Amino acid sequence: MKKSLKQMNFLKIAPLAIGLALLTVVSCTKEEETAIDTAADQDEVITVAELQASDETELISEEVSTIAEDVYAADEISLTAKSDYASDYLPDCVTITTVVTDTTREKTIDFGDGCELPNGNVLSGIIFLSYAKDMEAASKSIALTLENFTFNGVAVEGSADVLRVRANENGNPQGTVNASFSATWPNGDTASFNGTRTREWIEGFGSGFWGDNVFLITGKRTYIGRLGNVYVKEVIEPLRRELACRFIVSGVLEISRNDNTASLDFGDGSCDAKGILTYPDGTEQEIFLRRFLK
């Protein structure tokens, strides 16, 4: 039997129509899956990758603050004790220049094109410090700025004001750092943070040996991650930084985004790059911090 023209056209068109219908279903399914994935990402407090980048900015800030306090302490001890004093924290590849005006002392800490610190971190560029000339003052403000500064290949810009106290209620030196920094990784990732941290120098002050220096850190900061997400990071249990170790060795940091809160426990004092991340639902995950150590 011969097929009519309408029948022949239908047989040609039918497979195409079915194919288009299937494609539409698959496309809609993919869009729905993408929407679900995006929603899940938006609801998540912080990803492991974001946390690693966040922790690197913490280390950068800590290193800059440590260097500033070390250089200032050397100045303070030398001028108030009326005797020569030198710290061994900064190696010979660092050049420190001092300019004294009628009211201030200006310090230029130059790491050149690359200088490795005793803890293995490699820095380049310049840290500038400026503070009042009177070294007998019980407290004073230190202005800190960066120029062409990198930390393990991460470009860092920004500034900080440090309220330096010669002796807090525990009798220890203390610096309260109000900082605003931004960082750009070699792959183009960016992050920034601002806020205040207080660093109490609980061990090793004035010994001249960098390896026995220990700090306790408290405070709160706002962190903007590489995806533009905003997090509030607050120290719940003081973070312990021992200069003999490259990492925070103990303490708890609380990380909040929207109405969700997670916490990061840095451990029991062991010198390692691990931490326990507790999600809002109570589940825990051991994570490896600081990507550049992999």
Protein backbone atom coordinates (compact mmCIF):
# COMPACT_ATOMS: atom_id res chain seq x y z
CA MET A 1 0.00 0.00 0.00
CA LYS A 2 1.35 3.44 -0.88
CA LYS A 3 1.76 5.97 1.95
CA SER A 4 0.16 9.34 1.54
CA LEU A 5 2.29 12.50 1.49
CA LYS A 6 0.99 13.47 4.95
CA GLN A 7 1.99 10.08 6.36
CA MET A 8 5.48 10.34 4.87
CA ASN A 9 5.98 13.83 6.30
CA PHE A 10 4.80 12.68 9.74
CA LEU A 11 7.28 9.79 9.72
CA LYS A 12 10.10 12.23 8.93
CA ILE A 13 9.09 14.83 11.49
CA ALA A 14 8.16 12.53 14.39
CA PRO A 15 11.74 11.47 15.36
CA LEU A 16 12.88 15.10 15.29
CA ALA A 17 9.99 16.18 17.51
CA ILE A 18 10.67 13.38 19.98
CA GLY A 19 14.36 14.29 20.04
CA LEU A 20 13.57 17.93 20.74
CA ALA A 21 11.20 16.94 23.52
CA LEU A 22 13.85 14.75 25.15
CA LEU A 23 16.42 17.51 24.81
CA THR A 24 14.04 19.94 26.50
CA VAL A 25 13.47 17.53 29.39
CA VAL A 26 17.20 16.92 29.84
CA SER A 27 17.93 20.67 29.64
CA CYS A 28 15.29 21.46 32.25
CA THR A 29 16.65 18.70 34.49
CA LYS A 30 20.19 20.08 34.18
CA GLU A 31 18.98 23.59 34.98
CA GLU A 32 17.12 22.28 38.02
CA GLU A 33 20.22 20.39 39.20
CA THR A 34 22.37 23.50 38.70
CA ALA A 35 19.85 25.59 40.65
CA ILE A 36 19.87 23.04 43.46
CA ASP A 37 23.68 22.96 43.49
CA THR A 38 23.82 26.76 43.56
CA ALA A 39 21.30 26.90 46.37
CA ALA A 40 23.32 24.34 48.33
CA ASP A 41 26.48 26.39 47.82
CA GLN A 42 24.68 29.52 49.00
CA ASP A 43 23.36 27.78 52.10
CA GLU A 44 26.73 26.27 53.03
CA VAL A 45 28.53 28.23 55.75
CA ILE A 46 32.00 27.78 54.28
CA THR A 47 33.61 25.29 51.93
CA VAL A 48 36.92 23.59 52.71
CA ALA A 49 38.59 25.47 49.84
CA GLU A 50 37.27 28.78 51.15
CA LEU A 51 38.37 27.91 54.66
CA GLN A 52 41.89 27.14 53.44
CA ALA A 53 42.10 30.52 51.71
CA SER A 54 40.69 32.17 54.83
CA ASP A 55 43.26 30.48 57.03
CA GLU A 56 46.06 31.64 54.73
CA THR A 57 44.95 35.24 55.22
CA GLU A 58 45.06 34.61 58.97
CA LEU A 59 48.66 33.42 58.70
CA ILE A 60 49.60 36.42 56.54
CA SER A 61 48.12 38.82 59.07
CA GLU A 62 49.82 37.02 61.95
CA GLU A 63 53.21 37.09 60.26
CA VAL A 64 52.97 40.80 59.46
CA SER A 65 51.87 41.55 63.04
CA THR A 66 54.65 39.40 64.51
CA ILE A 67 57.31 41.16 62.45
CA ALA A 68 55.98 44.59 63.42
CA GLU A 69 55.95 43.69 67.13
CA ASP A 70 59.39 42.11 66.96
CA VAL A 71 60.97 45.19 65.34
CA TYR A 72 59.17 47.54 67.72
CA ALA A 73 60.13 45.44 70.78
CA ALA A 74 63.80 45.50 69.77
CA ASP A 75 63.61 49.29 69.58
CA GLU A 76 61.76 49.56 72.89
CA ILE A 77 64.10 47.26 74.84
CA SER A 78 67.25 48.85 73.42
CA LEU A 79 66.15 52.40 74.17
CA THR A 80 64.52 51.87 77.57
CA ALA A 81 67.03 49.36 78.99
CA LYS A 82 69.95 51.52 77.82
CA SER A 83 71.73 48.44 76.50
CA ASP A 84 72.25 46.76 73.16
CA TYR A 85 69.55 44.28 72.26
CA ALA A 86 68.95 42.27 69.11
CA SER A 87 66.31 39.76 68.10
CA ASP A 88 67.21 36.86 65.82
CA TYR A 89 63.77 36.49 64.24
CA LEU A 90 64.55 38.40 61.04
CA PRO A 91 67.44 36.95 58.97
CA ASP A 92 70.31 38.87 57.36
CA CYS A 93 68.42 39.16 54.05
CA VAL A 94 66.11 41.72 55.72
CA THR A 95 67.27 45.34 55.72
CA ILE A 96 65.90 47.60 58.48
CA THR A 97 66.31 51.35 58.12
CA THR A 98 65.43 53.86 60.88
CA VAL A 99 64.68 57.55 60.39
CA VAL A 100 64.17 59.66 63.53
CA THR A 101 62.25 62.94 63.31
CA ASP A 102 61.43 65.46 66.03
CA THR A 103 58.38 63.42 67.07
CA THR A 104 58.50 60.00 65.40
CA ARG A 105 60.57 56.95 64.63
CA GLU A 106 60.09 55.60 61.09
CA LYS A 107 61.07 52.01 60.28
CA THR A 108 61.48 50.50 56.81
CA ILE A 109 61.63 46.69 56.87
CA ASP A 110 62.78 45.59 53.40
CA PHE A 111 62.61 41.91 52.36
CA GLY A 112 63.98 42.61 48.88
CA ASP A 113 62.91 40.30 46.07
CA GLY A 114 62.49 37.38 48.44
CA CYS A 115 63.67 36.52 51.93
CA GLU A 116 62.99 33.27 53.84
CA LEU A 117 62.16 33.58 57.54
CA PRO A 118 63.23 30.99 60.14
CA ASN A 119 59.76 29.37 59.97
CA GLY A 120 60.06 28.81 56.20
CA ASN A 121 57.72 31.58 55.00
CA VAL A 122 59.12 33.62 52.10
CA LEU A 123 58.39 37.36 52.00
CA SER A 124 59.23 40.14 49.57
CA GLY A 125 58.59 43.88 49.49
CA ILE A 126 58.44 46.38 52.35
CA ILE A 127 56.66 46.86 55.69
CA PHE A 128 56.65 50.48 56.94
CA LEU A 129 56.21 51.33 60.64
CA SER A 130 55.73 54.72 62.24
CA TYR A 131 55.32 55.50 65.95
CA ALA A 132 55.95 58.21 68.51
CA LYS A 133 59.54 58.91 69.46
CA ASP A 134 58.93 58.59 73.22
CA MET A 135 59.72 54.94 74.00
CA GLU A 136 58.95 55.32 77.72
CA ALA A 137 55.20 55.72 77.09
CA ALA A 138 53.00 53.04 78.64
CA SER A 139 51.04 52.76 75.39
CA LYS A 140 51.27 54.13 71.89
CA SER A 141 49.90 53.74 68.39
CA ILE A 142 51.95 52.13 65.61
CA ALA A 143 50.99 52.78 61.98
CA LEU A 144 51.73 49.92 59.56
CA THR A 145 51.60 49.99 55.76
CA LEU A 146 52.75 47.62 53.00
CA GLU A 147 54.47 48.24 49.68
CA ASN A 148 54.88 45.65 46.88
CA PHE A 149 54.49 43.00 49.58
CA THR A 150 54.13 39.26 48.95
CA PHE A 151 53.80 36.31 51.30
CA ASN A 152 54.65 32.90 49.83
CA GLY A 153 53.74 34.27 46.41
CA VAL A 154 50.46 35.87 47.57
CA ALA A 155 50.31 39.62 46.86
CA VAL A 156 49.08 41.57 49.90
CA GLU A 157 47.88 45.16 50.15
CA GLY A 158 46.57 47.15 53.09
CA SER A 159 47.38 48.82 56.38
CA ALA A 160 46.91 48.47 60.12
CA ASP A 161 46.94 50.49 63.32
CA VAL A 162 48.44 48.78 66.36
CA LEU A 163 47.68 49.95 69.90
CA ARG A 164 50.77 48.79 71.75
CA VAL A 165 50.67 48.38 75.55
CA ARG A 166 53.94 47.74 77.40
CA ALA A 167 52.18 45.73 80.13
CA ASN A 168 48.54 44.58 80.24
CA GLU A 169 46.68 43.38 83.36
CA ASN A 170 48.78 40.19 83.24
CA GLY A 171 52.01 42.15 83.03
CA ASN A 172 52.60 41.10 79.40
CA PRO A 173 53.19 43.22 76.30
CA GLN A 174 50.07 43.41 74.13
CA GLY A 175 49.17 44.72 70.71
CA THR A 176 45.61 45.36 69.50
CA VAL A 177 45.71 45.32 65.71
CA ASN A 178 42.97 47.02 63.70
CA ALA A 179 43.74 45.86 60.17
CA SER A 180 42.38 45.97 56.64
CA PHE A 181 44.16 43.72 54.12
CA SER A 182 43.42 42.24 50.70
CA ALA A 183 45.22 39.29 49.12
CA THR A 184 45.60 38.05 45.53
CA TRP A 185 46.84 34.52 44.84
CA PRO A 186 48.92 33.65 41.74
CA ASN A 187 45.88 31.95 40.15
CA GLY A 188 43.85 35.16 40.44
CA ASP A 189 41.80 34.27 43.52
CA THR A 190 41.21 37.23 45.83
CA ALA A 191 40.10 37.70 49.43
CA SER A 192 40.00 40.51 51.97
CA PHE A 193 39.36 41.06 55.65
CA ASN A 194 39.06 43.81 58.20
CA GLY A 195 38.62 43.91 61.93
CA THR A 196 40.45 43.81 65.23
CA ARG A 197 42.67 41.21 66.86
CA THR A 198 44.46 41.44 70.21
CA ARG A 199 47.81 39.64 70.55
CA GLU A 200 49.15 39.09 74.07
CA TRP A 201 52.85 38.19 74.15
CA ILE A 202 52.78 35.56 76.91
CA GLU A 203 56.23 33.94 76.54
CA GLY A 204 59.67 34.83 75.26
CA PHE A 205 59.55 38.63 75.37
CA GLY A 206 63.06 40.07 75.57
CA SER A 207 64.88 36.73 75.32
CA GLY A 208 66.34 37.53 71.90
CA PHE A 209 65.52 34.00 70.69
CA TRP A 210 62.56 33.84 68.31
CA GLY A 211 61.78 30.16 68.95
CA ASP A 212 60.44 30.69 72.48
CA ASN A 213 57.97 33.45 71.58
CA VAL A 214 54.30 32.61 72.19
CA PHE A 215 51.18 34.73 71.62
CA LEU A 216 47.51 34.37 72.58
CA ILE A 217 45.12 35.90 70.05
CA THR A 218 41.52 37.07 70.48
CA GLY A 219 39.15 39.25 68.47
CA LYS A 220 36.70 39.45 65.59
CA ARG A 221 36.99 40.10 61.86
CA THR A 222 34.91 40.23 58.70
CA TYR A 223 36.25 38.12 55.83
CA ILE A 224 35.19 38.40 52.17
CA GLY A 225 36.07 35.22 50.29
CA ARG A 226 37.06 34.54 46.70
CA LEU A 227 33.38 34.07 45.66
CA GLY A 228 32.34 37.34 47.27
CA ASN A 229 30.70 35.68 50.27
CA VAL A 230 30.93 37.56 53.57
CA TYR A 231 31.85 35.74 56.79
CA VAL A 232 32.24 36.91 60.38
CA LYS A 233 35.13 35.19 62.17
CA GLU A 234 35.30 35.44 65.94
CA VAL A 235 37.74 33.81 68.36
CA ILE A 236 35.80 31.76 70.93
CA GLU A 237 38.82 30.22 72.66
CA PRO A 238 42.13 32.15 72.43
CA LEU A 239 44.29 31.06 69.52
CA ARG A 240 47.80 30.04 70.56
CA ARG A 241 50.59 30.99 68.15
CA GLU A 242 54.05 29.61 68.88
CA LEU A 243 56.66 31.07 66.56
CA ALA A 244 58.52 27.76 66.58
CA CYS A 245 55.55 26.40 64.59
CA ARG A 246 54.14 27.69 61.30
CA PHE A 247 50.57 27.15 62.47
CA ILE A 248 48.06 28.11 65.12
CA VAL A 249 48.41 25.16 67.53
CA SER A 250 45.22 25.47 69.59
CA GLY A 251 42.07 27.54 70.10
CA VAL A 252 38.64 27.75 68.47
CA LEU A 253 37.46 30.12 65.74
CA GLU A 254 33.75 30.58 65.05
CA ILE A 255 32.74 31.30 61.43
CA SER A 256 29.29 32.71 60.63
CA ARG A 257 27.50 33.38 57.36
CA ASN A 258 23.88 34.50 57.22
CA ASP A 259 22.18 32.56 60.04
CA ASN A 260 24.59 29.60 59.95
CA THR A 261 27.63 29.14 62.18
CA ALA A 262 30.49 26.66 62.00
CA SER A 263 33.57 26.36 64.20
CA LEU A 264 37.19 25.48 63.57
CA ASP A 265 39.19 23.82 66.34
CA PHE A 266 42.96 24.14 65.80
CA GLY A 267 43.79 21.20 68.05
CA ASP A 268 45.49 20.31 71.32
CA GLY A 269 48.78 22.13 70.86
CA SER A 270 50.44 19.87 68.29
CA CYS A 271 52.33 21.62 65.50
CA ASP A 272 50.41 20.50 62.41
CA ALA A 273 48.33 21.93 59.58
CA LYS A 274 45.14 20.14 60.62
CA GLY A 275 41.93 21.37 62.16
CA ILE A 276 38.47 20.03 62.99
CA LEU A 277 35.63 21.84 61.22
CA THR A 278 32.23 21.45 62.89
CA TYR A 279 29.27 22.26 60.64
CA PRO A 280 26.00 23.84 61.84
CA ASP A 281 24.34 20.41 61.98
CA GLY A 282 27.03 19.13 64.35
CA THR A 283 28.93 16.95 61.89
CA GLU A 284 32.72 17.14 62.05
CA GLN A 285 35.41 16.96 59.39
CA GLU A 286 39.19 16.93 59.72
CA ILE A 287 40.67 19.35 57.20
CA PHE A 288 44.13 20.28 55.99
CA LEU A 289 44.77 24.02 56.21
CA ARG A 290 46.90 26.31 54.05
CA ARG A 291 47.01 25.12 50.47
CA PHE A 292 50.52 26.34 49.73
CA LEU A 293 51.96 23.62 52.00
CA LYS A 294 50.55 20.79 49.87
